[in-house]
Amino acid sequence: MSSQKQPADAGSTSNQLSRSRNWRQHQLLRIAEWVPGREPTDSHIQLPSPQVREYRTSYWRCEKCGQERNDIEDFIESCTVESSTDAVTDGGYSIDDPRTRRAITEDIDVRFGVCGPQYLVDSASGNTYSVDIAARSCSCPDYEKREPENGCKHIRRVDMEIRAAKTPRPDGRFVRPGTVVRR
């Protein structure tokens, strides 16, 4: 009589295998940064160290759902975002519109103006325009003369950069992936 023996933890082994594969559902980005203070240790004893002001740390972040973990194997939960967001289509813009194409392709820099919904946009022409994203207005000649339906390329660029989390919202916070941004 032969009997097949299974390891005592056969169920937990398959569970660990499925847990370790969950990270593949995420769109992971390795983040390395300098953090002020001393590096944490497992010891409760504070050893003297020469004027340590910051230390380097790294972790993993899912670009789709925003989950952050120290180790890639710690992504136990599945990614909560089914499809990736697109700043162009989520904003209601058409890639066929010439203003949208210029907003994407031209060398345009966006930065905060004053506190609130004001942004300064350095255009490819060398001019700087003021965009009020809340009022959906711009100081450029195109907007002042024509007032395009979805805004000029500068308004579109600011809106797309906020949606893509490249520029903070007017409240100073970045849009988390998967968040719906309303106009």
Protein backbone atom coordinates (compact mmCIF):
# COMPACT_ATOMS: atom_id res chain seq x y z
CA MET A 1 0.00 0.00 0.00
CA SER A 2 1.48 3.19 -1.07
CA SER A 3 0.04 6.48 -0.02
CA GLN A 4 0.88 9.82 -1.44
CA LYS A 5 2.20 12.25 1.08
CA GLN A 6 1.62 15.95 0.70
CA PRO A 7 3.63 18.55 2.49
CA ALA A 8 1.91 19.78 5.62
CA ASP A 9 1.74 23.29 4.23
CA ALA A 10 0.68 22.44 0.67
CA GLY A 11 -2.32 24.76 0.89
CA SER A 12 -0.23 27.65 2.16
CA THR A 13 2.36 27.06 -0.57
CA SER A 14 -0.25 27.50 -3.30
CA ASN A 15 -1.62 30.51 -1.41
CA GLN A 16 1.85 32.07 -1.28
CA LEU A 17 2.30 31.39 -4.99
CA SER A 18 -0.95 33.18 -5.87
CA ARG A 19 -0.04 36.06 -3.53
CA SER A 20 3.36 36.45 -5.13
CA ARG A 21 1.79 36.71 -8.59
CA ASN A 22 -0.56 39.59 -7.66
CA TRP A 23 2.19 42.16 -8.21
CA ARG A 24 2.09 41.35 -11.94
CA GLN A 25 -1.39 42.91 -12.17
CA HIS A 26 0.05 46.26 -11.05
CA GLN A 27 1.91 48.80 -13.15
CA LEU A 28 4.84 49.16 -10.77
CA LEU A 29 7.33 51.96 -10.51
CA ARG A 30 10.40 51.82 -8.26
CA ILE A 31 10.71 55.01 -6.18
CA ALA A 32 14.04 55.97 -4.59
CA GLU A 33 14.21 59.12 -2.49
CA TRP A 34 16.10 60.86 0.27
CA VAL A 35 14.15 61.20 3.53
CA PRO A 36 15.07 63.62 6.33
CA GLY A 37 16.18 62.09 9.64
CA ARG A 38 17.86 58.84 10.58
CA GLU A 39 17.29 55.50 8.93
CA PRO A 40 15.01 53.32 11.07
CA THR A 41 16.61 50.26 12.67
CA ASP A 42 15.27 47.11 14.27
CA SER A 43 17.10 48.00 17.45
CA HIS A 44 15.64 50.27 20.10
CA ILE A 45 19.12 51.43 21.00
CA GLN A 46 20.08 54.77 19.51
CA LEU A 47 23.67 54.48 18.37
CA PRO A 48 25.60 57.71 18.04
CA SER A 49 26.09 58.73 14.46
CA PRO A 50 27.79 61.68 12.87
CA GLN A 51 25.17 64.37 12.11
CA VAL A 52 22.95 62.22 9.87
CA ARG A 53 20.41 64.54 8.25
CA GLU A 54 18.85 62.24 5.68
CA TYR A 55 18.92 58.72 4.35
CA ARG A 56 18.01 56.99 1.11
CA THR A 57 14.98 54.75 0.95
CA SER A 58 13.14 52.98 -1.84
CA TYR A 59 9.74 51.43 -2.33
CA TRP A 60 7.31 50.31 -5.05
CA ARG A 61 4.23 52.26 -6.23
CA CYS A 62 1.50 51.11 -8.62
CA GLU A 63 0.94 53.85 -11.18
CA LYS A 64 -2.66 52.71 -11.76
CA CYS A 65 -4.08 52.33 -8.24
CA GLY A 66 -1.53 54.21 -6.14
CA GLN A 67 -0.74 51.38 -3.70
CA GLU A 68 2.74 51.65 -2.16
CA ARG A 69 4.74 48.76 -0.69
CA ASN A 70 8.32 48.29 0.52
CA ASP A 71 8.74 44.93 -1.20
CA ILE A 72 7.34 43.80 -4.54
CA GLU A 73 6.06 40.59 -2.92
CA ASP A 74 3.94 42.68 -0.50
CA PHE A 75 1.40 43.47 -3.23
CA ILE A 76 -1.12 40.97 -1.92
CA GLU A 77 -4.31 42.69 -3.13
CA SER A 78 -5.11 42.83 -6.81
CA CYS A 79 -4.88 46.14 -8.61
CA THR A 80 -8.14 48.02 -8.02
CA VAL A 81 -8.01 49.96 -11.30
CA GLU A 82 -9.22 47.95 -14.26
CA SER A 83 -8.01 50.17 -17.09
CA SER A 84 -5.46 52.90 -17.26
CA THR A 85 -6.67 56.46 -17.49
CA ASP A 86 -5.92 58.73 -20.40
CA ALA A 87 -5.64 62.45 -19.70
CA VAL A 88 -6.71 63.33 -23.25
CA THR A 89 -9.90 61.29 -23.56
CA ASP A 90 -10.79 61.65 -19.85
CA GLY A 91 -10.72 65.41 -20.38
CA GLY A 92 -13.17 65.14 -23.27
CA TYR A 93 -10.59 66.19 -25.85
CA SER A 94 -10.23 64.71 -29.30
CA ILE A 95 -6.77 63.87 -30.63
CA ASP A 96 -8.10 64.93 -34.03
CA ASP A 97 -8.52 68.54 -32.80
CA PRO A 98 -5.46 70.62 -33.84
CA ARG A 99 -5.43 72.51 -30.51
CA THR A 100 -5.26 69.22 -28.59
CA ARG A 101 -2.42 67.96 -30.81
CA ARG A 102 -0.48 71.19 -30.26
CA ALA A 103 -1.14 71.02 -26.51
CA ILE A 104 0.43 67.56 -26.47
CA THR A 105 3.31 67.98 -28.90
CA GLU A 106 4.58 71.53 -28.37
CA ASP A 107 7.28 72.37 -25.83
CA ILE A 108 5.03 73.87 -23.13
CA ASP A 109 5.91 74.18 -19.43
CA VAL A 110 3.21 74.49 -16.77
CA ARG A 111 3.80 75.82 -13.26
CA PHE A 112 1.81 77.30 -10.40
CA GLY A 113 1.11 81.00 -10.66
CA VAL A 114 -0.41 82.27 -7.44
CA CYS A 115 -2.20 80.17 -4.84
CA GLY A 116 -5.40 78.75 -6.26
CA PRO A 117 -6.44 77.88 -9.79
CA GLN A 118 -3.88 80.16 -11.50
CA TYR A 119 -1.16 78.51 -13.58
CA LEU A 120 1.60 80.09 -15.64
CA VAL A 121 2.23 78.44 -18.99
CA ASP A 122 5.49 79.02 -20.85
CA SER A 123 4.53 78.47 -24.47
CA ALA A 124 6.74 77.24 -27.29
CA SER A 125 6.61 80.76 -28.74
CA GLY A 126 8.50 82.08 -25.70
CA ASN A 127 5.46 83.90 -24.26
CA THR A 128 4.07 83.22 -20.80
CA TYR A 129 0.30 83.05 -20.40
CA SER A 130 -1.88 82.97 -17.31
CA VAL A 131 -4.43 80.14 -17.17
CA ASP A 132 -7.29 80.12 -14.66
CA ILE A 133 -8.29 76.46 -14.71
CA ALA A 134 -11.41 77.02 -12.56
CA ALA A 135 -12.77 79.72 -14.90
CA ARG A 136 -11.34 77.89 -17.94
CA SER A 137 -9.78 81.10 -19.25
CA CYS A 138 -6.38 82.02 -20.66
CA SER A 139 -4.57 85.27 -21.47
CA CYS A 140 -3.38 84.05 -24.91
CA PRO A 141 -4.61 85.75 -28.12
CA ASP A 142 -6.35 82.56 -29.35
CA TYR A 143 -8.58 82.39 -26.26
CA GLU A 144 -9.19 86.15 -26.09
CA LYS A 145 -10.23 86.35 -29.78
CA ARG A 146 -12.03 83.03 -30.35
CA GLU A 147 -12.84 81.44 -26.95
CA PRO A 148 -12.64 77.86 -28.32
CA GLU A 149 -15.23 75.40 -27.02
CA ASN A 150 -12.82 73.20 -25.02
CA GLY A 151 -10.34 76.01 -24.42
CA CYS A 152 -7.05 76.90 -26.05
CA LYS A 153 -4.00 74.63 -26.11
CA HIS A 154 -2.75 76.17 -22.84
CA ILE A 155 -5.96 75.38 -20.93
CA ARG A 156 -5.94 71.87 -22.39
CA ARG A 157 -2.30 71.33 -21.45
CA VAL A 158 -2.86 72.42 -17.82
CA ASP A 159 -5.96 70.19 -17.59
CA MET A 160 -4.13 67.19 -19.10
CA GLU A 161 -1.12 67.64 -16.80
CA ILE A 162 -3.40 67.76 -13.74
CA ARG A 163 -5.19 64.60 -14.92
CA ALA A 164 -1.86 62.85 -15.58
CA ALA A 165 -0.60 63.89 -12.10
CA LYS A 166 2.30 65.88 -13.57
CA THR A 167 1.00 69.16 -12.12
CA PRO A 168 -0.86 69.56 -8.82
CA ARG A 169 -4.53 70.51 -8.67
CA PRO A 170 -5.38 74.06 -7.52
CA ASP A 171 -5.48 72.81 -3.91
CA GLY A 172 -1.83 71.73 -4.22
CA ARG A 173 -2.54 67.99 -4.23
CA PHE A 174 -1.81 65.56 -7.02
CA VAL A 175 -4.53 63.49 -8.62
CA ARG A 176 -4.24 59.85 -7.54
CA PRO A 177 -4.42 57.33 -10.38
CA GLY A 178 -7.99 56.23 -11.06
CA THR A 179 -9.50 59.43 -9.63
CA VAL A 180 -12.21 61.11 -11.68
CA VAL A 181 -11.45 64.79 -12.27
CA ARG A 182 -14.41 67.00 -13.00
CA ARG A 183 -14.21 70.32 -14.79
